[in-house]
């Protein structure tokens, strides 16, 4: 009986990373790289074309990001095996990736042996969440989730807008802005706007590119 091959699609917007991954993974006799993508749209299209055993997704990519790509793939192919390989480990981004249907989440600083093991595990239908990532997941579950409107308010606060400006932009009263902020402070466990922005960036709720 022949060796069972693991077909893989790689999606990452950094060409050097893709080259490195392709080289490293090709050293495994049972790994086959079906294709590489530089954004989420290409990743989805390649998945449709090849139906690989596993897709290796970066988190942040131009256009459709990794989470959106994962959601799209899983909506069309519920049994798709998805492993995120990223530089980002904020609790919100980890939460979003796993909520999108990923079975594994690995950081790019991981050693080659761990990457190989993670790919084999996820392709076999298992999950792969390292201890430090699992801790972030637990931290995320212990906090209340911000609503989409609260996220909007927080992003505008991070851009330096006043309560009055936020109210005008989002179509409610200045007291409405203050009410949203009080709820945000409570959920994040902070006491002022500066702490709220710092906590949100740290947790990955809002991004500072």
Protein backbone atom coordinates (compact mmCIF):
# COMPACT_ATOMS: atom_id res chain seq x y z
CA UNK A 1 0.00 0.00 0.00
CA UNK A 2 1.41 3.40 -1.02
CA UNK A 3 2.17 6.29 1.26
CA UNK A 4 -0.78 8.57 2.07
CA UNK A 5 0.01 12.05 0.79
CA UNK A 6 -1.00 15.27 2.54
CA UNK A 7 -1.94 17.95 0.01
CA UNK A 8 -1.42 21.52 1.24
CA UNK A 9 -2.28 25.03 0.06
CA UNK A 10 -0.24 27.91 1.55
CA UNK A 11 -1.60 31.46 1.84
CA UNK A 12 0.67 34.31 2.95
CA UNK A 13 1.23 37.76 1.46
CA UNK A 14 5.01 37.68 2.06
CA UNK A 15 6.78 35.99 -0.85
CA UNK A 16 9.86 35.14 1.22
CA UNK A 17 7.69 33.38 3.82
CA UNK A 18 5.93 31.39 1.10
CA UNK A 19 9.27 30.38 -0.43
CA UNK A 20 10.59 29.31 2.96
CA UNK A 21 7.50 27.31 3.83
CA UNK A 22 7.43 25.65 0.43
CA UNK A 23 11.07 24.64 0.78
CA UNK A 24 10.69 23.34 4.33
CA UNK A 25 7.47 21.44 3.76
CA UNK A 26 8.67 19.92 0.49
CA UNK A 27 11.36 18.10 2.47
CA UNK A 28 8.63 15.88 3.92
CA UNK A 29 8.11 12.93 1.55
CA UNK A 30 4.36 12.80 2.14
CA UNK A 31 3.70 16.55 1.79
CA UNK A 32 2.52 17.95 -1.56
CA UNK A 33 2.19 21.72 -2.08
CA UNK A 34 -0.81 22.15 -4.39
CA UNK A 35 -0.50 25.93 -4.66
CA UNK A 36 0.32 29.20 -2.94
CA UNK A 37 -1.81 32.33 -2.50
CA UNK A 38 -0.93 35.88 -1.51
CA UNK A 39 -4.36 36.92 -0.23
CA UNK A 40 -7.63 35.49 1.03
CA UNK A 41 -9.44 35.54 -2.30
CA UNK A 42 -6.69 33.49 -3.94
CA UNK A 43 -6.66 31.13 -0.97
CA UNK A 44 -10.38 30.43 -1.33
CA UNK A 45 -10.05 29.91 -5.09
CA UNK A 46 -7.11 27.53 -4.70
CA UNK A 47 -9.01 25.56 -2.08
CA UNK A 48 -11.94 25.18 -4.47
CA UNK A 49 -9.61 24.05 -7.27
CA UNK A 50 -7.50 21.55 -5.33
CA UNK A 51 -9.58 20.51 -2.29
CA UNK A 52 -6.36 19.97 -0.29
CA UNK A 53 -6.10 18.00 2.93
CA UNK A 54 -5.09 21.22 4.71
CA UNK A 55 -4.79 24.93 4.08
CA UNK A 56 -2.12 26.94 5.89
CA UNK A 57 -3.39 30.50 6.35
CA UNK A 58 -1.74 33.73 7.43
CA UNK A 59 -3.94 35.92 9.60
CA UNK A 60 -3.43 39.39 8.13
CA UNK A 61 -3.43 39.63 4.35
CA UNK A 62 -4.52 42.39 1.97
CA UNK A 63 -8.13 42.39 0.81
CA UNK A 64 -9.80 39.33 2.31
CA UNK A 65 -7.85 38.41 5.45
CA UNK A 66 -7.24 34.93 6.82
CA UNK A 67 -10.27 34.86 9.11
CA UNK A 68 -12.63 35.87 6.29
CA UNK A 69 -11.01 33.27 4.01
CA UNK A 70 -11.42 30.59 6.68
CA UNK A 71 -15.11 31.48 7.14
CA UNK A 72 -15.71 31.34 3.38
CA UNK A 73 -13.93 28.02 2.97
CA UNK A 74 -15.70 26.41 5.93
CA UNK A 75 -19.09 27.67 4.72
CA UNK A 76 -18.55 25.86 1.42
CA UNK A 77 -16.53 22.92 2.75
CA UNK A 78 -17.51 22.23 6.38
CA UNK A 79 -14.87 19.52 6.76
CA UNK A 80 -12.00 21.75 5.59
CA UNK A 81 -8.86 21.47 7.74
CA UNK A 82 -7.43 24.92 8.49
CA UNK A 83 -4.22 25.79 10.31
CA UNK A 84 -3.28 29.40 10.96
CA UNK A 85 0.42 30.28 10.86
CA UNK A 86 0.88 33.89 11.89
CA UNK A 87 3.02 36.39 13.77
CA UNK A 88 0.07 37.65 15.81
CA UNK A 89 -1.05 36.25 19.14
CA UNK A 90 -3.59 38.72 20.51
CA UNK A 91 -6.49 37.03 22.25
CA UNK A 92 -9.08 38.59 19.92
CA UNK A 93 -7.35 37.43 16.74
CA UNK A 94 -6.88 33.92 18.12
CA UNK A 95 -10.56 33.87 19.12
CA UNK A 96 -11.67 35.05 15.67
CA UNK A 97 -9.50 32.45 13.92
CA UNK A 98 -10.82 29.56 15.99
CA UNK A 99 -14.39 30.85 15.69
CA UNK A 100 -13.91 30.84 11.91
CA UNK A 101 -13.33 27.09 12.04
CA UNK A 102 -9.56 26.72 12.31
CA UNK A 103 -8.38 23.53 13.99
CA UNK A 104 -4.94 24.91 14.73
CA UNK A 105 -3.11 28.15 15.47
CA UNK A 106 0.66 28.38 15.34
CA UNK A 107 3.10 31.28 15.53
CA UNK A 108 5.72 31.84 12.83
CA UNK A 109 8.46 31.77 15.43
CA UNK A 110 7.66 28.08 16.08
CA UNK A 111 10.30 25.50 15.25
CA UNK A 112 10.12 23.45 12.06
CA UNK A 113 9.36 20.24 13.98
CA UNK A 114 6.32 21.83 15.61
CA UNK A 115 5.01 23.11 12.28
CA UNK A 116 5.34 19.64 10.75
CA UNK A 117 3.62 18.05 13.75
CA UNK A 118 0.82 20.64 13.65
CA UNK A 119 0.18 20.03 9.95
CA UNK A 120 0.02 16.27 10.46
CA UNK A 121 -2.31 16.64 13.45
CA UNK A 122 -4.73 19.07 11.79
CA UNK A 123 -4.75 17.09 8.53
CA UNK A 124 -5.67 14.01 10.59
CA UNK A 125 -8.66 15.82 12.09
CA UNK A 126 -7.06 16.78 15.40
CA UNK A 127 -6.62 20.24 16.90
CA UNK A 128 -3.30 21.97 17.54
CA UNK A 129 -3.32 24.88 19.98
CA UNK A 130 -0.02 25.43 21.87
CA UNK A 131 -0.16 26.13 25.62
CA UNK A 132 0.47 29.88 25.32
CA UNK A 133 -2.24 30.21 22.67
CA UNK A 134 -4.70 28.20 24.77
CA UNK A 135 -4.04 30.60 27.65
CA UNK A 136 -5.00 33.55 25.44
CA UNK A 137 -8.19 31.71 24.46
CA UNK A 138 -9.08 31.25 28.14
CA UNK A 139 -8.41 34.94 28.81
CA UNK A 140 -10.70 35.87 25.92
CA UNK A 141 -13.51 33.65 27.22
CA UNK A 142 -13.29 35.27 30.65
CA UNK A 143 -14.10 38.75 29.30
CA UNK A 144 -17.29 40.20 27.88
CA UNK A 145 -17.40 40.74 24.12
CA UNK A 146 -17.80 44.26 22.78
CA UNK A 147 -20.75 44.87 20.45
CA UNK A 148 -20.09 46.03 16.89
CA UNK A 149 -21.24 49.55 17.84
CA UNK A 150 -18.92 49.59 20.86
CA UNK A 151 -16.05 48.58 18.60
CA UNK A 152 -16.92 51.45 16.27
CA UNK A 153 -16.89 53.90 19.18
CA UNK A 154 -13.58 52.55 20.45
CA UNK A 155 -11.94 52.79 17.02
CA UNK A 156 -13.01 56.44 16.77
CA UNK A 157 -11.68 57.10 20.27
CA UNK A 158 -8.36 55.59 19.16
CA UNK A 159 -8.32 58.05 16.24
CA UNK A 160 -8.61 60.94 18.71
CA UNK A 161 -12.23 61.97 18.09
CA UNK A 162 -14.15 63.71 20.88
CA UNK A 163 -17.41 62.41 22.35
CA UNK A 164 -19.29 65.09 20.40
CA UNK A 165 -17.58 64.15 17.11
CA UNK A 166 -18.28 60.45 17.68
CA UNK A 167 -21.93 61.17 18.42
CA UNK A 168 -22.28 63.24 15.26
CA UNK A 169 -20.56 60.63 13.10
CA UNK A 170 -22.52 57.64 14.42
CA UNK A 171 -25.86 59.41 14.72
CA UNK A 172 -26.62 59.50 18.43
CA UNK A 173 -26.38 62.01 21.28
CA UNK A 174 -23.22 62.95 23.16
CA UNK A 175 -24.70 61.28 26.23
CA UNK A 176 -25.09 58.17 24.06
CA UNK A 177 -21.35 58.22 23.40
CA UNK A 178 -20.69 58.49 27.13
CA UNK A 179 -23.00 55.54 27.79
CA UNK A 180 -21.17 53.41 25.23
CA UNK A 181 -17.85 54.39 26.77
CA UNK A 182 -18.99 53.43 30.26
CA UNK A 183 -20.01 50.01 28.95
CA UNK A 184 -16.68 49.65 27.11
CA UNK A 185 -14.71 50.59 30.24
CA UNK A 186 -16.62 48.00 32.28
CA UNK A 187 -16.09 45.21 29.74
CA UNK A 188 -12.38 45.97 29.35
CA UNK A 189 -11.81 46.55 33.07
CA UNK A 190 -10.38 50.05 32.55
CA UNK A 191 -11.18 53.52 33.91
CA UNK A 192 -10.55 55.94 31.03
CA UNK A 193 -10.25 56.40 27.27
CA UNK A 194 -6.47 55.99 27.15
CA UNK A 195 -6.58 52.72 29.08
CA UNK A 196 -9.43 51.48 26.89
CA UNK A 197 -7.46 52.11 23.69
CA UNK A 198 -4.31 50.52 25.14
CA UNK A 199 -6.24 47.44 26.30
CA UNK A 200 -8.02 47.11 22.96
CA UNK A 201 -4.75 47.26 21.01
CA UNK A 202 -3.09 44.77 23.37
CA UNK A 203 -5.97 42.33 22.98
CA UNK A 204 -6.26 42.81 19.21
CA UNK A 205 -9.77 44.29 19.33
CA UNK A 206 -8.48 47.24 17.32
CA UNK A 207 -5.33 47.30 15.25
CA UNK A 208 -2.51 49.76 15.02
CA UNK A 209 -0.76 48.79 11.79
